[in-house]
Amino acid sequence: MSTLSFILLQVPSIVADSTKNAGGVVSTAAGQGLSMSELLVKGGPIMIPILILSLFAVFLFVQRYLYIRKSGYMDPQFLANIREKLLQNNIRSAIDYCSTSKFPIARLIEKGLYRMGSPIRDIEVAIENTARVEIYKMEKNLGLLAAVAAIAPMMGFLGTVAGMIKTFYDISQAGGTIGIDVIAGGIYQKMITSAAGLIVGMTAHALYTYLNTMIDRVINKMEVTAIDFMDILYKPVA
């Protein structure tokens, strides 16, 4: 939001500079600058859905970030404890240990332990299927964040079109006298909505990419854990 505020607060000075270059008269409001709330209001009704999209993107990011971070956690001694119980041929205790563990990776190992005595391929398939379920849970609602990244800039461009329409309408109503004050409203709306939409869209895309990177790291940890578990299965037999 600080980046959005910085860019939007430059709008009055930009308009003032363009006015001076054109030889026009700089309005008092532009010369004194506008507050953040005034700038948002000048963006017009399009700013409301853009603001809603920004809040929705933040909510989704926080929700998914907390869940994915939890999914990637694993007790450093988890596999060592499983190995110890299997060496003691105590499969039931190993299953109970997994079921009481709070981190999702334990569910993969638990599913594999339930298949103990089956062919190795059956154990691998059970772990892979459970991993797919966990991956789906991590990726849940990420598509909505990607949608925000795509929709927000389009909402900004819609505001740009609305601002241009307003500008030409005001020009048509001004008769023969056209000053900067006639088109200033449309310029504000055009620039503010475009900037806000692009900022929200780029931020949402960055958050979406970051969450996907987190998921890739968790998937890698799941794969490494599954490989280590399959190696452990041979040791009690040996």
Protein backbone atom coordinates (compact mmCIF):
# COMPACT_ATOMS: atom_id res chain seq x y z
CA MET A 1 0.00 0.00 0.00
CA SER A 2 2.94 2.33 0.59
CA THR A 3 3.96 1.95 -3.07
CA LEU A 4 0.40 2.69 -4.17
CA SER A 5 0.30 5.76 -1.95
CA PHE A 6 3.62 7.04 -3.32
CA ILE A 7 2.57 6.72 -6.94
CA LEU A 8 -0.89 8.17 -6.45
CA LEU A 9 0.46 11.12 -4.50
CA GLN A 10 2.60 12.05 -7.53
CA VAL A 11 -0.52 12.54 -9.67
CA PRO A 12 -1.18 16.18 -8.62
CA SER A 13 2.40 17.24 -9.38
CA ILE A 14 2.35 15.41 -12.73
CA VAL A 15 -0.86 17.16 -13.73
CA ALA A 16 0.54 20.49 -12.53
CA ASP A 17 3.74 20.05 -14.56
CA SER A 18 1.83 19.13 -17.70
CA THR A 19 -0.37 22.17 -17.21
CA LYS A 20 2.60 24.50 -16.90
CA ASN A 21 4.17 23.08 -20.03
CA ALA A 22 0.95 23.70 -21.92
CA GLY A 23 0.79 27.27 -20.66
CA GLY A 24 -2.45 26.63 -18.78
CA VAL A 25 -3.52 27.67 -15.32
CA VAL A 26 -2.70 25.35 -12.44
CA SER A 27 -5.63 24.83 -10.13
CA THR A 28 -5.26 25.56 -6.43
CA ALA A 29 -6.12 21.99 -5.46
CA ALA A 30 -3.42 20.54 -7.70
CA GLY A 31 -0.86 23.03 -6.49
CA GLN A 32 -1.50 22.23 -2.83
CA GLY A 33 -1.64 18.49 -3.38
CA LEU A 34 -4.34 16.02 -2.39
CA SER A 35 -4.66 13.55 0.43
CA MET A 36 -4.76 9.82 -0.25
CA SER A 37 -8.49 9.64 0.41
CA GLU A 38 -9.15 12.54 -1.99
CA LEU A 39 -7.13 10.86 -4.71
CA LEU A 40 -9.05 7.61 -4.26
CA VAL A 41 -12.34 9.50 -4.47
CA LYS A 42 -11.22 11.21 -7.68
CA GLY A 43 -10.58 7.76 -9.14
CA GLY A 44 -14.32 7.32 -9.33
CA PRO A 45 -16.53 4.29 -8.63
CA ILE A 46 -14.04 1.93 -10.32
CA MET A 47 -11.75 2.37 -7.30
CA ILE A 48 -14.23 0.45 -5.13
CA PRO A 49 -13.87 -2.95 -6.87
CA ILE A 50 -10.10 -2.37 -7.19
CA LEU A 51 -9.88 -1.79 -3.44
CA ILE A 52 -12.00 -4.89 -2.79
CA LEU A 53 -9.70 -6.93 -5.04
CA SER A 54 -6.64 -5.69 -3.16
CA LEU A 55 -8.11 -6.66 0.22
CA PHE A 56 -9.19 -10.03 -1.16
CA ALA A 57 -5.68 -10.68 -2.49
CA VAL A 58 -4.12 -9.89 0.89
CA PHE A 59 -6.61 -12.17 2.66
CA LEU A 60 -5.92 -15.06 0.27
CA PHE A 61 -2.18 -14.63 0.57
CA VAL A 62 -2.16 -14.66 4.37
CA GLN A 63 -4.50 -17.67 4.50
CA ARG A 64 -2.51 -19.72 1.98
CA TYR A 65 0.87 -18.65 3.37
CA LEU A 66 0.04 -19.87 6.87
CA TYR A 67 -1.33 -23.19 5.59
CA ILE A 68 1.57 -23.87 3.20
CA ARG A 69 4.14 -23.01 5.85
CA LYS A 70 2.43 -25.44 8.24
CA SER A 71 2.35 -28.12 5.52
CA GLY A 72 6.11 -27.87 5.02
CA TYR A 73 6.97 -28.36 8.68
CA MET A 74 8.39 -31.67 9.85
CA ASP A 75 9.91 -32.74 13.16
CA PRO A 76 13.65 -33.26 12.53
CA GLN A 77 13.49 -36.51 14.54
CA PHE A 78 10.36 -37.81 12.83
CA LEU A 79 11.95 -40.31 10.45
CA ALA A 80 14.48 -41.40 13.08
CA ASN A 81 11.61 -42.24 15.45
CA ILE A 82 9.79 -44.13 12.69
CA ARG A 83 12.94 -46.10 11.90
CA GLU A 84 13.41 -47.00 15.55
CA LYS A 85 9.86 -48.31 15.86
CA LEU A 86 10.15 -50.33 12.65
CA LEU A 87 13.43 -51.84 13.82
CA GLN A 88 11.49 -53.00 16.86
CA ASN A 89 8.85 -54.43 14.48
CA ASN A 90 6.29 -52.18 16.18
CA ILE A 91 4.27 -51.02 13.17
CA ARG A 92 1.20 -50.16 15.26
CA SER A 93 3.24 -47.78 17.40
CA ALA A 94 4.67 -46.14 14.26
CA ILE A 95 1.17 -45.62 12.87
CA ASP A 96 -0.04 -44.12 16.15
CA TYR A 97 3.01 -41.84 16.19
CA CYS A 98 2.14 -40.56 12.70
CA SER A 99 -1.54 -40.06 13.54
CA THR A 100 -0.67 -37.92 16.57
CA SER A 101 1.79 -35.78 14.58
CA LYS A 102 0.36 -32.43 13.54
CA PHE A 103 2.29 -31.83 10.31
CA PRO A 104 0.79 -33.03 6.98
CA ILE A 105 3.91 -34.89 5.81
CA ALA A 106 3.25 -37.42 8.59
CA ARG A 107 0.05 -38.41 6.80
CA LEU A 108 2.09 -39.63 3.82
CA ILE A 109 4.16 -41.93 6.01
CA GLU A 110 1.08 -43.07 7.91
CA LYS A 111 -0.58 -44.14 4.67
CA GLY A 112 2.56 -46.06 3.70
CA LEU A 113 2.68 -47.79 7.10
CA TYR A 114 -0.91 -48.97 6.65
CA ARG A 115 0.29 -50.77 3.49
CA MET A 116 3.11 -52.59 5.27
CA GLY A 117 3.26 -56.19 4.07
CA SER A 118 2.05 -55.21 0.59
CA PRO A 119 4.37 -54.99 -2.43
CA ILE A 120 6.68 -51.98 -2.42
CA ARG A 121 4.91 -50.55 -5.45
CA ASP A 122 1.60 -50.54 -3.56
CA ILE A 123 3.21 -48.60 -0.72
CA GLU A 124 4.64 -46.09 -3.18
CA VAL A 125 1.26 -45.59 -4.86
CA ALA A 126 -0.43 -45.05 -1.50
CA ILE A 127 2.12 -42.38 -0.58
CA GLU A 128 1.85 -40.71 -4.00
CA ASN A 129 -1.96 -40.56 -3.83
CA THR A 130 -1.85 -39.05 -0.35
CA ALA A 131 0.73 -36.52 -1.55
CA ARG A 132 -1.60 -35.45 -4.38
CA VAL A 133 -4.35 -34.77 -1.83
CA GLU A 134 -1.99 -32.68 0.29
CA ILE A 135 -0.76 -30.75 -2.76
CA TYR A 136 -4.34 -29.99 -3.76
CA LYS A 137 -5.02 -28.61 -0.28
CA MET A 138 -1.99 -26.34 -0.56
CA GLU A 139 -2.99 -25.10 -4.02
CA LYS A 140 -6.61 -24.49 -3.01
CA ASN A 141 -7.83 -20.97 -3.94
CA LEU A 142 -4.52 -20.03 -5.58
CA GLY A 143 -6.46 -19.71 -8.83
CA LEU A 144 -8.47 -16.90 -7.23
CA LEU A 145 -5.27 -15.01 -6.48
CA ALA A 146 -4.20 -15.43 -10.11
CA ALA A 147 -7.62 -14.13 -11.15
CA VAL A 148 -7.10 -10.99 -9.07
CA ALA A 149 -3.76 -10.47 -10.79
CA ALA A 150 -5.53 -10.59 -14.16
CA ILE A 151 -8.72 -8.69 -13.31
CA ALA A 152 -7.26 -5.73 -11.37
CA PRO A 153 -5.34 -4.22 -14.34
CA MET A 154 -8.43 -4.65 -16.53
CA MET A 155 -10.48 -2.80 -13.93
CA GLY A 156 -7.87 -0.04 -14.05
CA PHE A 157 -8.12 0.13 -17.84
CA LEU A 158 -11.90 0.26 -17.52
CA GLY A 159 -11.41 3.30 -15.29
CA THR A 160 -9.16 4.76 -17.98
CA VAL A 161 -11.90 4.36 -20.59
CA ALA A 162 -14.45 5.87 -18.20
CA GLY A 163 -12.11 8.82 -17.58
CA MET A 164 -11.67 9.42 -21.30
CA ILE A 165 -15.41 9.29 -21.83
CA LYS A 166 -15.88 11.83 -19.03
CA THR A 167 -13.17 14.07 -20.52
CA PHE A 168 -14.73 14.14 -24.00
CA TYR A 169 -18.18 14.65 -22.53
CA ASP A 170 -16.95 17.64 -20.50
CA ILE A 171 -15.24 19.05 -23.59
CA SER A 172 -18.45 18.72 -25.58
CA GLN A 173 -20.35 20.58 -22.87
CA ALA A 174 -17.74 23.34 -22.51
CA GLY A 175 -18.55 24.97 -25.83
CA GLY A 176 -15.75 27.03 -27.31
CA THR A 177 -13.79 27.47 -24.06
CA ILE A 178 -11.67 24.48 -23.09
CA GLY A 179 -9.35 24.85 -20.09
CA ILE A 180 -7.38 22.46 -17.97
CA ASP A 181 -10.13 22.56 -15.36
CA VAL A 182 -12.51 21.03 -17.90
CA ILE A 183 -10.41 17.94 -18.49
CA ALA A 184 -8.70 17.67 -15.09
CA GLY A 185 -11.41 15.39 -13.65
CA GLY A 186 -11.09 12.90 -16.46
CA ILE A 187 -7.28 12.98 -16.26
CA TYR A 188 -7.34 12.24 -12.53
CA GLN A 189 -9.72 9.34 -12.96
CA LYS A 190 -7.74 7.96 -15.91
CA MET A 191 -4.36 8.05 -14.17
CA ILE A 192 -5.45 6.97 -10.69
CA THR A 193 -7.48 3.94 -11.75
CA SER A 194 -4.78 2.81 -14.17
CA ALA A 195 -2.04 3.09 -11.55
CA ALA A 196 -4.14 1.42 -8.84
CA GLY A 197 -5.20 -1.46 -11.09
CA LEU A 198 -1.65 -2.13 -12.27
CA ILE A 199 -0.22 -2.00 -8.75
CA VAL A 200 -2.85 -4.38 -7.37
CA GLY A 201 -2.41 -6.72 -10.33
CA MET A 202 1.40 -6.80 -10.12
CA THR A 203 1.30 -7.30 -6.35
CA ALA A 204 -1.20 -10.15 -6.64
CA HIS A 205 0.93 -11.81 -9.32
CA ALA A 206 4.05 -11.50 -7.14
CA LEU A 207 2.21 -13.05 -4.18
CA TYR A 208 0.88 -15.84 -6.40
CA THR A 209 4.40 -16.61 -7.65
CA TYR A 210 5.80 -16.60 -4.12
CA LEU A 211 3.16 -19.05 -2.88
CA ASN A 212 3.84 -21.37 -5.82
CA THR A 213 7.53 -21.29 -4.93
CA MET A 214 6.67 -22.26 -1.36
CA ILE A 215 4.56 -25.16 -2.63
CA ASP A 216 7.42 -26.39 -4.82
CA ARG A 217 9.70 -26.45 -1.79
CA VAL A 218 7.13 -28.42 0.23
CA ILE A 219 6.66 -30.90 -2.63
CA ASN A 220 10.42 -31.41 -2.76
CA LYS A 221 10.47 -32.06 0.98
CA MET A 222 7.65 -34.59 0.58
CA GLU A 223 9.57 -36.40 -2.14
CA VAL A 224 12.77 -36.52 -0.08
CA THR A 225 10.84 -37.76 2.97
CA ALA A 226 9.11 -40.46 0.92
CA ILE A 227 12.44 -41.64 -0.52
CA ASP A 228 14.02 -41.78 2.94
CA PHE A 229 11.01 -43.70 4.25
CA MET A 230 11.23 -46.26 1.44
CA ASP A 231 14.91 -46.74 2.30
CA ILE A 232 13.98 -47.35 5.93
CA LEU A 233 11.56 -50.12 4.95
CA TYR A 234 14.43 -52.32 3.79
CA LYS A 235 16.45 -51.97 6.97
CA PRO A 236 14.15 -53.82 9.40
CA VAL A 237 14.07 -56.70 6.92
CA ALA A 238 17.85 -56.70 6.66
